Amino acid sequence: MQLWQLLEIVTHLQQQNLRLLVLGRKHMQNGSRQWARNNMAEMQKKADFFFTENVSEDDPFLLYATLHSGSHCRFVTRDLLRDHKACLPDSLTRRLFFKWQRGHQMVLSNYTAGRRIKFEPILCYDTIVQTTGDTWHIPYDDNSLERSSYEVPTRWLCLQQK
């Protein structure tokens, strides 16, 4: 992501009166051009920053900061965190992580430089089979639809026993 894109996204989120923490690498502090220094100074007025070493993994810091900040906290990253899910010991823990990720990761769905920033909505329900009495709601995908881990099925099959 370019620095000016990050500035636009930080500005967009700050305008919603959200408290922001930007995790980055230390090289971001060394703006070699005046433009980069100005953008960093502007962002640092709108958000808190934490810089990791240039060669360090920043994902553990992201996960820790999000978890430590509470259940209301959301995070933005293009990373799907697959390598972290793969390290989890069993399918139940991976499923739990997946559900947590889906409920906390903000995904940029539409971005037009200088004009439009839109995030996918974070759903307040789980996309698993839902049942009440004699009615079932089953989420499904169309034939062979590929989707990312943060995306959820958008179609539901509704069945009612007669």
N, C-alpha and C. Protein backbone atom coordinates (compact mmCIF):
# COMPACT_ATOMS: atom_id res chain seq x y z
N MET A 1 0.85 -1.17 0.00
CA MET A 1 0.00 0.00 0.00
C MET A 1 0.90 1.24 0.00
N GLN A 2 0.53 2.18 -0.81
CA GLN A 2 1.28 3.43 -0.89
C GLN A 2 0.94 4.30 0.32
N LEU A 3 1.86 5.17 0.69
CA LEU A 3 1.67 6.02 1.86
C LEU A 3 0.46 6.93 1.70
N TRP A 4 0.23 7.46 0.51
CA TRP A 4 -0.92 8.35 0.31
C TRP A 4 -2.24 7.59 0.43
N GLN A 5 -2.25 6.29 0.06
CA GLN A 5 -3.46 5.49 0.23
C GLN A 5 -3.73 5.27 1.72
N LEU A 6 -2.66 4.98 2.46
CA LEU A 6 -2.80 4.81 3.90
C LEU A 6 -3.32 6.08 4.54
N LEU A 7 -2.82 7.22 4.12
CA LEU A 7 -3.30 8.51 4.65
C LEU A 7 -4.79 8.68 4.38
N GLU A 8 -5.25 8.36 3.18
CA GLU A 8 -6.67 8.49 2.86
C GLU A 8 -7.53 7.57 3.73
N ILE A 9 -7.07 6.35 3.94
CA ILE A 9 -7.84 5.40 4.74
C ILE A 9 -7.85 5.82 6.21
N VAL A 10 -6.70 6.25 6.73
CA VAL A 10 -6.64 6.74 8.11
C VAL A 10 -7.56 7.94 8.28
N THR A 11 -7.54 8.86 7.33
CA THR A 11 -8.40 10.04 7.39
C THR A 11 -9.88 9.63 7.37
N HIS A 12 -10.23 8.70 6.51
CA HIS A 12 -11.61 8.21 6.42
C HIS A 12 -12.08 7.62 7.76
N LEU A 13 -11.26 6.79 8.35
CA LEU A 13 -11.63 6.15 9.61
C LEU A 13 -11.63 7.16 10.77
N GLN A 14 -10.71 8.09 10.74
CA GLN A 14 -10.65 9.11 11.80
C GLN A 14 -11.87 10.02 11.74
N GLN A 15 -12.41 10.26 10.56
CA GLN A 15 -13.61 11.09 10.42
C GLN A 15 -14.84 10.42 11.03
N GLN A 16 -14.74 9.11 11.28
CA GLN A 16 -15.82 8.39 11.95
C GLN A 16 -15.61 8.36 13.46
N ASN A 17 -14.69 9.19 13.93
CA ASN A 17 -14.35 9.30 15.35
C ASN A 17 -13.88 7.98 15.95
N LEU A 18 -13.14 7.22 15.17
CA LEU A 18 -12.58 5.96 15.65
C LEU A 18 -11.18 6.22 16.19
N ARG A 19 -10.82 5.52 17.23
CA ARG A 19 -9.45 5.60 17.73
C ARG A 19 -8.63 4.63 16.90
N LEU A 20 -7.50 5.10 16.39
CA LEU A 20 -6.73 4.32 15.43
C LEU A 20 -5.31 4.05 15.92
N LEU A 21 -4.86 2.84 15.65
CA LEU A 21 -3.48 2.45 15.85
C LEU A 21 -2.98 1.93 14.52
N VAL A 22 -1.92 2.53 14.00
CA VAL A 22 -1.31 2.08 12.75
C VAL A 22 -0.03 1.33 13.11
N LEU A 23 0.04 0.08 12.68
CA LEU A 23 1.26 -0.71 12.87
C LEU A 23 2.05 -0.65 11.59
N GLY A 24 3.30 -0.33 11.72
CA GLY A 24 4.14 -0.25 10.53
C GLY A 24 5.56 -0.66 10.87
N ARG A 25 6.41 -0.54 9.89
CA ARG A 25 7.83 -0.85 10.09
C ARG A 25 8.61 0.44 10.24
N LYS A 26 9.76 0.34 10.89
CA LYS A 26 10.54 1.54 11.20
C LYS A 26 10.95 2.34 9.98
N HIS A 27 11.09 1.69 8.84
CA HIS A 27 11.50 2.43 7.63
C HIS A 27 10.47 3.48 7.23
N MET A 28 9.24 3.34 7.70
CA MET A 28 8.21 4.34 7.38
C MET A 28 8.52 5.69 8.02
N GLN A 29 9.32 5.68 9.07
CA GLN A 29 9.66 6.93 9.76
C GLN A 29 10.72 7.72 9.01
N ASN A 30 11.41 7.07 8.10
CA ASN A 30 12.51 7.72 7.38
C ASN A 30 12.04 8.25 6.04
N GLY A 31 11.03 9.10 6.04
CA GLY A 31 10.53 9.66 4.79
C GLY A 31 11.63 10.39 4.06
N SER A 32 12.08 9.82 2.96
CA SER A 32 13.20 10.42 2.24
C SER A 32 12.76 11.65 1.45
N ARG A 33 11.52 11.70 1.08
CA ARG A 33 11.02 12.86 0.35
C ARG A 33 10.17 13.71 1.29
N GLN A 34 10.10 14.98 1.01
CA GLN A 34 9.30 15.90 1.83
C GLN A 34 7.84 15.43 1.85
N TRP A 35 7.35 14.94 0.72
CA TRP A 35 5.96 14.47 0.62
C TRP A 35 5.69 13.36 1.62
N ALA A 36 6.60 12.41 1.70
CA ALA A 36 6.42 11.29 2.63
C ALA A 36 6.45 11.77 4.07
N ARG A 37 7.36 12.68 4.40
CA ARG A 37 7.43 13.22 5.76
C ARG A 37 6.14 13.96 6.10
N ASN A 38 5.62 14.73 5.14
CA ASN A 38 4.37 15.47 5.39
C ASN A 38 3.20 14.53 5.62
N ASN A 39 3.11 13.47 4.80
CA ASN A 39 2.02 12.50 4.97
C ASN A 39 2.12 11.79 6.31
N MET A 40 3.33 11.40 6.70
CA MET A 40 3.49 10.73 8.00
C MET A 40 3.12 11.67 9.13
N ALA A 41 3.53 12.92 9.06
CA ALA A 41 3.19 13.89 10.11
C ALA A 41 1.68 14.07 10.19
N GLU A 42 1.03 14.13 9.04
CA GLU A 42 -0.43 14.29 9.00
C GLU A 42 -1.12 13.08 9.62
N MET A 43 -0.65 11.88 9.27
CA MET A 43 -1.26 10.66 9.84
C MET A 43 -1.04 10.58 11.34
N GLN A 44 0.13 11.00 11.81
CA GLN A 44 0.42 10.90 13.23
C GLN A 44 -0.42 11.86 14.06
N LYS A 45 -1.06 12.83 13.42
CA LYS A 45 -2.03 13.70 14.11
C LYS A 45 -3.38 12.98 14.27
N LYS A 46 -3.63 11.99 13.43
CA LYS A 46 -4.94 11.33 13.39
C LYS A 46 -4.95 9.96 14.04
N ALA A 47 -3.77 9.38 14.26
CA ALA A 47 -3.70 8.00 14.76
C ALA A 47 -2.46 7.82 15.63
N ASP A 48 -2.52 6.82 16.48
CA ASP A 48 -1.32 6.39 17.20
C ASP A 48 -0.55 5.45 16.28
N PHE A 49 0.76 5.39 16.46
CA PHE A 49 1.61 4.54 15.63
C PHE A 49 2.47 3.65 16.50
N PHE A 50 2.73 2.45 15.99
CA PHE A 50 3.70 1.54 16.59
C PHE A 50 4.53 0.98 15.45
N PHE A 51 5.84 1.13 15.56
CA PHE A 51 6.74 0.69 14.49
C PHE A 51 7.54 -0.52 14.95
N THR A 52 7.50 -1.59 14.16
CA THR A 52 8.30 -2.78 14.44
C THR A 52 9.61 -2.67 13.66
N GLU A 53 10.52 -3.56 13.96
CA GLU A 53 11.77 -3.62 13.20
C GLU A 53 11.44 -3.95 11.74
N ASN A 54 12.27 -3.52 10.84
CA ASN A 54 12.00 -3.71 9.41
C ASN A 54 11.93 -5.17 9.00
N VAL A 55 12.63 -6.04 9.69
CA VAL A 55 12.64 -7.45 9.32
C VAL A 55 11.70 -8.30 10.21
N SER A 56 10.99 -7.68 11.11
CA SER A 56 10.15 -8.46 12.03
C SER A 56 8.79 -8.76 11.41
N GLU A 57 8.15 -9.77 11.96
CA GLU A 57 6.76 -10.08 11.60
C GLU A 57 5.87 -9.08 12.31
N ASP A 58 5.00 -8.39 11.57
CA ASP A 58 4.11 -7.45 12.24
C ASP A 58 2.75 -8.05 12.59
N ASP A 59 2.40 -9.18 12.00
CA ASP A 59 1.10 -9.80 12.28
C ASP A 59 0.88 -10.12 13.75
N PRO A 60 1.87 -10.69 14.47
CA PRO A 60 1.63 -10.95 15.90
C PRO A 60 1.31 -9.67 16.67
N PHE A 61 1.92 -8.54 16.30
CA PHE A 61 1.61 -7.28 16.96
C PHE A 61 0.18 -6.86 16.64
N LEU A 62 -0.23 -7.04 15.40
CA LEU A 62 -1.59 -6.72 14.99
C LEU A 62 -2.61 -7.55 15.77
N LEU A 63 -2.37 -8.85 15.84
CA LEU A 63 -3.30 -9.73 16.55
C LEU A 63 -3.35 -9.40 18.04
N TYR A 64 -2.18 -9.18 18.64
CA TYR A 64 -2.14 -8.86 20.06
C TYR A 64 -2.88 -7.55 20.34
N ALA A 65 -2.59 -6.51 19.56
CA ALA A 65 -3.23 -5.21 19.78
C ALA A 65 -4.74 -5.31 19.63
N THR A 66 -5.20 -6.06 18.64
CA THR A 66 -6.64 -6.21 18.42
C THR A 66 -7.29 -6.97 19.57
N LEU A 67 -6.71 -8.07 19.96
CA LEU A 67 -7.27 -8.86 21.06
C LEU A 67 -7.23 -8.10 22.38
N HIS A 68 -6.12 -7.43 22.64
CA HIS A 68 -5.96 -6.71 23.89
C HIS A 68 -6.91 -5.51 23.99
N SER A 69 -7.30 -4.95 22.86
CA SER A 69 -8.15 -3.76 22.86
C SER A 69 -9.62 -4.06 23.13
N GLY A 70 -10.01 -5.32 23.08
CA GLY A 70 -11.39 -5.67 23.42
C GLY A 70 -12.21 -6.12 22.23
N SER A 71 -13.40 -6.61 22.52
CA SER A 71 -14.24 -7.21 21.48
C SER A 71 -14.77 -6.18 20.48
N HIS A 72 -14.75 -4.91 20.83
CA HIS A 72 -15.22 -3.86 19.92
C HIS A 72 -14.18 -3.50 18.86
N CYS A 73 -12.95 -3.92 19.05
CA CYS A 73 -11.84 -3.51 18.19
C CYS A 73 -11.91 -4.19 16.82
N ARG A 74 -11.62 -3.43 15.79
CA ARG A 74 -11.55 -3.94 14.42
C ARG A 74 -10.14 -3.70 13.89
N PHE A 75 -9.76 -4.44 12.86
CA PHE A 75 -8.45 -4.22 12.24
C PHE A 75 -8.58 -4.25 10.73
N VAL A 76 -7.64 -3.56 10.08
CA VAL A 76 -7.60 -3.49 8.62
C VAL A 76 -6.24 -4.02 8.18
N THR A 77 -6.26 -5.02 7.32
CA THR A 77 -5.05 -5.54 6.70
C THR A 77 -5.47 -6.26 5.43
N ARG A 78 -4.57 -6.26 4.46
CA ARG A 78 -4.83 -7.06 3.25
C ARG A 78 -4.45 -8.51 3.46
N ASP A 79 -3.71 -8.78 4.52
CA ASP A 79 -3.26 -10.13 4.84
C ASP A 79 -4.46 -10.98 5.27
N LEU A 80 -4.57 -12.17 4.72
CA LEU A 80 -5.67 -13.08 5.10
C LEU A 80 -5.31 -13.92 6.31
N LEU A 81 -4.08 -13.78 6.81
CA LEU A 81 -3.62 -14.46 8.02
C LEU A 81 -3.66 -15.98 7.91
N ARG A 82 -3.53 -16.49 6.70
CA ARG A 82 -3.58 -17.95 6.48
C ARG A 82 -2.46 -18.68 7.22
N ASP A 83 -1.26 -18.08 7.22
CA ASP A 83 -0.14 -18.76 7.87
C ASP A 83 -0.36 -18.88 9.37
N HIS A 84 -1.07 -17.94 9.96
CA HIS A 84 -1.37 -18.03 11.40
C HIS A 84 -2.43 -19.10 11.67
N LYS A 85 -3.42 -19.16 10.80
CA LYS A 85 -4.45 -20.21 10.95
C LYS A 85 -3.82 -21.59 10.80
N ALA A 86 -2.87 -21.71 9.89
CA ALA A 86 -2.23 -23.01 9.65
C ALA A 86 -1.45 -23.49 10.86
N CYS A 87 -0.99 -22.57 11.69
CA CYS A 87 -0.21 -22.94 12.88
C CYS A 87 -1.09 -23.38 14.04
N LEU A 88 -2.37 -23.17 13.95
CA LEU A 88 -3.26 -23.52 15.07
C LEU A 88 -3.39 -25.04 15.18
N PRO A 89 -3.52 -25.55 16.40
CA PRO A 89 -3.35 -27.00 16.63
C PRO A 89 -4.45 -27.91 16.11
N ASP A 90 -5.68 -27.40 15.95
CA ASP A 90 -6.76 -28.31 15.54
C ASP A 90 -7.84 -27.55 14.78
N SER A 91 -8.74 -28.28 14.18
CA SER A 91 -9.77 -27.66 13.34
C SER A 91 -10.73 -26.79 14.15
N LEU A 92 -11.00 -27.14 15.38
CA LEU A 92 -11.89 -26.33 16.21
C LEU A 92 -11.28 -24.96 16.48
N THR A 93 -10.00 -24.93 16.80
CA THR A 93 -9.31 -23.67 17.06
C THR A 93 -9.21 -22.85 15.77
N ARG A 94 -8.95 -23.49 14.64
CA ARG A 94 -8.91 -22.78 13.35
C ARG A 94 -10.28 -22.19 13.02
N ARG A 95 -11.33 -22.93 13.28
CA ARG A 95 -12.69 -22.43 13.03
C ARG A 95 -13.00 -21.23 13.93
N LEU A 96 -12.59 -21.32 15.18
CA LEU A 96 -12.80 -20.22 16.12
C LEU A 96 -12.04 -18.97 15.67
N PHE A 97 -10.79 -19.15 15.22
CA PHE A 97 -10.00 -18.04 14.71
C PHE A 97 -10.68 -17.44 13.47
N PHE A 98 -11.15 -18.29 12.58
CA PHE A 98 -11.82 -17.84 11.37
C PHE A 98 -13.05 -16.98 11.72
N LYS A 99 -13.85 -17.44 12.68
CA LYS A 99 -15.03 -16.68 13.09
C LYS A 99 -14.63 -15.34 13.71
N TRP A 100 -13.58 -15.37 14.54
CA TRP A 100 -13.11 -14.13 15.15
C TRP A 100 -12.62 -13.17 14.06
N GLN A 101 -11.84 -13.69 13.11
CA GLN A 101 -11.33 -12.86 12.03
C GLN A 101 -12.46 -12.23 11.23
N ARG A 102 -13.45 -13.04 10.90
CA ARG A 102 -14.58 -12.55 10.11
C ARG A 102 -15.36 -11.47 10.85
N GLY A 103 -15.37 -11.51 12.16
CA GLY A 103 -16.09 -10.52 12.95
C GLY A 103 -15.29 -9.28 13.30
N HIS A 104 -13.99 -9.26 12.97
CA HIS A 104 -13.16 -8.13 13.37
C HIS A 104 -12.34 -7.50 12.24
N GLN A 105 -12.14 -8.22 11.14
CA GLN A 105 -11.32 -7.68 10.06
C GLN A 105 -12.16 -6.83 9.12
N MET A 106 -11.75 -5.57 8.96
CA MET A 106 -12.41 -4.68 8.01
C MET A 106 -11.71 -4.85 6.67
N VAL A 107 -12.49 -5.14 5.64
CA VAL A 107 -11.93 -5.40 4.32
C VAL A 107 -12.36 -4.28 3.38
N LEU A 108 -11.38 -3.67 2.75
CA LEU A 108 -11.64 -2.61 1.79
C LEU A 108 -12.28 -3.21 0.56
N SER A 109 -13.50 -2.79 0.26
CA SER A 109 -14.20 -3.37 -0.90
C SER A 109 -14.23 -2.43 -2.10
N ASN A 110 -14.11 -1.14 -1.85
CA ASN A 110 -14.16 -0.19 -2.95
C ASN A 110 -13.27 0.99 -2.59
N TYR A 111 -12.33 1.27 -3.45
CA TYR A 111 -11.42 2.38 -3.20
C TYR A 111 -11.15 3.11 -4.52
N THR A 112 -11.49 4.38 -4.54
CA THR A 112 -11.15 5.24 -5.66
C THR A 112 -10.36 6.40 -5.08
N ALA A 113 -9.13 6.53 -5.47
CA ALA A 113 -8.23 7.53 -4.89
C ALA A 113 -8.88 8.91 -4.85
N GLY A 114 -8.87 9.50 -3.67
CA GLY A 114 -9.39 10.85 -3.50
C GLY A 114 -10.89 10.98 -3.49
N ARG A 115 -11.62 9.88 -3.70
CA ARG A 115 -13.07 10.01 -3.79
C ARG A 115 -13.85 9.01 -2.95
N ARG A 116 -13.52 7.73 -3.02
CA ARG A 116 -14.42 6.74 -2.42
C ARG A 116 -13.63 5.68 -1.65
N ILE A 117 -14.06 5.47 -0.41
CA ILE A 117 -13.51 4.40 0.41
C ILE A 117 -14.70 3.67 1.03
N LYS A 118 -14.76 2.38 0.78
CA LYS A 118 -15.88 1.60 1.31
C LYS A 118 -15.34 0.26 1.82
N PHE A 119 -15.82 -0.14 2.99
CA PHE A 119 -15.44 -1.41 3.58
C PHE A 119 -16.61 -2.38 3.50
N GLU A 120 -16.29 -3.67 3.39
CA GLU A 120 -17.33 -4.70 3.47
C GLU A 120 -17.96 -4.62 4.85
N PRO A 121 -19.27 -4.84 4.94
CA PRO A 121 -19.88 -4.83 6.28
C PRO A 121 -19.43 -6.03 7.10
N ILE A 122 -19.24 -5.81 8.39
CA ILE A 122 -18.95 -6.92 9.30
C ILE A 122 -20.30 -7.41 9.81
N LEU A 123 -20.57 -8.67 9.55
CA LEU A 123 -21.88 -9.22 9.89
C LEU A 123 -22.00 -9.46 11.40
N CYS A 124 -23.19 -9.25 11.91
CA CYS A 124 -23.43 -9.47 13.35
C CYS A 124 -24.03 -10.86 13.59
N TYR A 125 -24.04 -11.69 12.58
CA TYR A 125 -24.53 -13.06 12.73
C TYR A 125 -23.52 -14.02 12.12
N ASP A 126 -23.62 -15.26 12.51
CA ASP A 126 -22.69 -16.27 12.01
C ASP A 126 -23.30 -16.96 10.80
N THR A 127 -22.50 -17.17 9.78
CA THR A 127 -23.01 -17.81 8.57
C THR A 127 -22.84 -19.32 8.67
N ILE A 128 -23.54 -19.88 9.60
CA ILE A 128 -23.65 -21.32 9.75
C ILE A 128 -25.13 -21.64 9.71
N VAL A 129 -25.47 -22.90 9.63
CA VAL A 129 -26.88 -23.29 9.61
C VAL A 129 -27.57 -22.73 10.85
N GLN A 130 -28.66 -22.01 10.62
CA GLN A 130 -29.46 -21.44 11.71
C GLN A 130 -30.80 -22.18 11.74
N THR A 131 -31.27 -22.49 12.92
CA THR A 131 -32.54 -23.19 13.02
C THR A 131 -33.37 -22.64 14.17
N THR A 132 -34.66 -22.50 13.91
CA THR A 132 -35.63 -22.13 14.94
C THR A 132 -36.87 -22.96 14.70
N GLY A 133 -37.20 -23.80 15.68
CA GLY A 133 -38.38 -24.63 15.55
C GLY A 133 -38.31 -25.52 14.33
N ASP A 134 -39.25 -25.34 13.40
CA ASP A 134 -39.30 -26.18 12.21
C ASP A 134 -38.73 -25.48 10.97
N THR A 135 -37.91 -24.46 11.17
CA THR A 135 -37.34 -23.69 10.06
C THR A 135 -35.81 -23.75 10.11
N TRP A 136 -35.19 -23.95 8.92
CA TRP A 136 -33.75 -23.97 8.80
C TRP A 136 -33.32 -22.92 7.77
N HIS A 137 -32.24 -22.25 8.06
CA HIS A 137 -31.61 -21.29 7.13
C HIS A 137 -30.19 -21.79 6.90
N ILE A 138 -29.88 -22.11 5.65
CA ILE A 138 -28.60 -22.73 5.31
C ILE A 138 -27.85 -21.83 4.33
N PRO A 139 -26.67 -21.32 4.73
CA PRO A 139 -25.89 -20.49 3.80
C PRO A 139 -25.22 -21.36 2.74
N TYR A 140 -25.12 -20.84 1.53
CA TYR A 140 -24.45 -21.61 0.48
C TYR A 140 -23.84 -20.68 -0.55
N ASP A 141 -22.93 -21.23 -1.33
CA ASP A 141 -22.30 -20.51 -2.44
C ASP A 141 -22.86 -21.04 -3.75
N ASP A 142 -22.84 -20.17 -4.77
CA ASP A 142 -23.17 -20.64 -6.11
C ASP A 142 -22.09 -21.61 -6.58
N ASN A 143 -22.36 -22.34 -7.62
CA ASN A 143 -21.42 -23.35 -8.13
C ASN A 143 -20.01 -22.81 -8.27
N SER A 144 -19.10 -23.48 -7.64
CA SER A 144 -17.65 -23.26 -7.72
C SER A 144 -17.23 -21.81 -7.54
N LEU A 145 -17.96 -21.06 -6.76
CA LEU A 145 -17.58 -19.68 -6.48
C LEU A 145 -16.38 -19.67 -5.54
N GLU A 146 -15.30 -19.01 -5.95
CA GLU A 146 -14.12 -18.88 -5.12
C GLU A 146 -14.29 -17.64 -4.25
N ARG A 147 -13.99 -17.76 -2.96
CA ARG A 147 -14.05 -16.59 -2.10
C ARG A 147 -12.92 -16.66 -1.08
N SER A 148 -12.58 -15.49 -0.57
CA SER A 148 -11.51 -15.39 0.43
C SER A 148 -12.04 -15.76 1.80
N SER A 149 -11.11 -15.95 2.75
CA SER A 149 -11.50 -16.41 4.08
C SER A 149 -12.40 -15.41 4.80
N TYR A 150 -12.27 -14.13 4.51
CA TYR A 150 -13.08 -13.14 5.19
C TYR A 150 -14.46 -12.99 4.56
N GLU A 151 -14.65 -13.54 3.36
CA GLU A 151 -15.93 -13.42 2.68
C GLU A 151 -16.87 -14.52 3.16
N VAL A 152 -18.14 -14.21 3.17
CA VAL A 152 -19.13 -15.17 3.63
C VAL A 152 -20.14 -15.43 2.52
N PRO A 153 -20.80 -16.58 2.58
CA PRO A 153 -21.84 -16.82 1.57
C PRO A 153 -22.92 -15.74 1.64
N THR A 154 -23.43 -15.36 0.50
CA THR A 154 -24.46 -14.31 0.48
C THR A 154 -25.84 -14.87 0.18
N ARG A 155 -25.89 -16.15 -0.15
CA ARG A 155 -27.19 -16.78 -0.45
C ARG A 155 -27.57 -17.71 0.69
N TRP A 156 -28.86 -17.74 0.97
CA TRP A 156 -29.38 -18.60 2.03
C TRP A 156 -30.53 -19.43 1.47
N LEU A 157 -30.52 -20.69 1.79
CA LEU A 157 -31.63 -21.58 1.46
C LEU A 157 -32.49 -21.66 2.71
N CYS A 158 -33.76 -21.32 2.58
CA CYS A 158 -34.68 -21.33 3.74
C CYS A 158 -35.64 -22.51 3.58
N LEU A 159 -35.66 -23.37 4.55
CA LEU A 159 -36.53 -24.56 4.54
C LEU A 159 -37.45 -24.54 5.73
N GLN A 160 -38.69 -25.00 5.50
CA GLN A 160 -39.63 -25.10 6.62
C GLN A 160 -40.34 -26.45 6.53
N GLN A 161 -40.35 -27.15 7.65
CA GLN A 161 -40.99 -28.45 7.69
C GLN A 161 -42.50 -28.26 7.76
N LYS A 162 -43.23 -29.07 6.97
CA LYS A 162 -44.70 -28.97 6.96
C LYS A 162 -45.32 -30.17 7.60
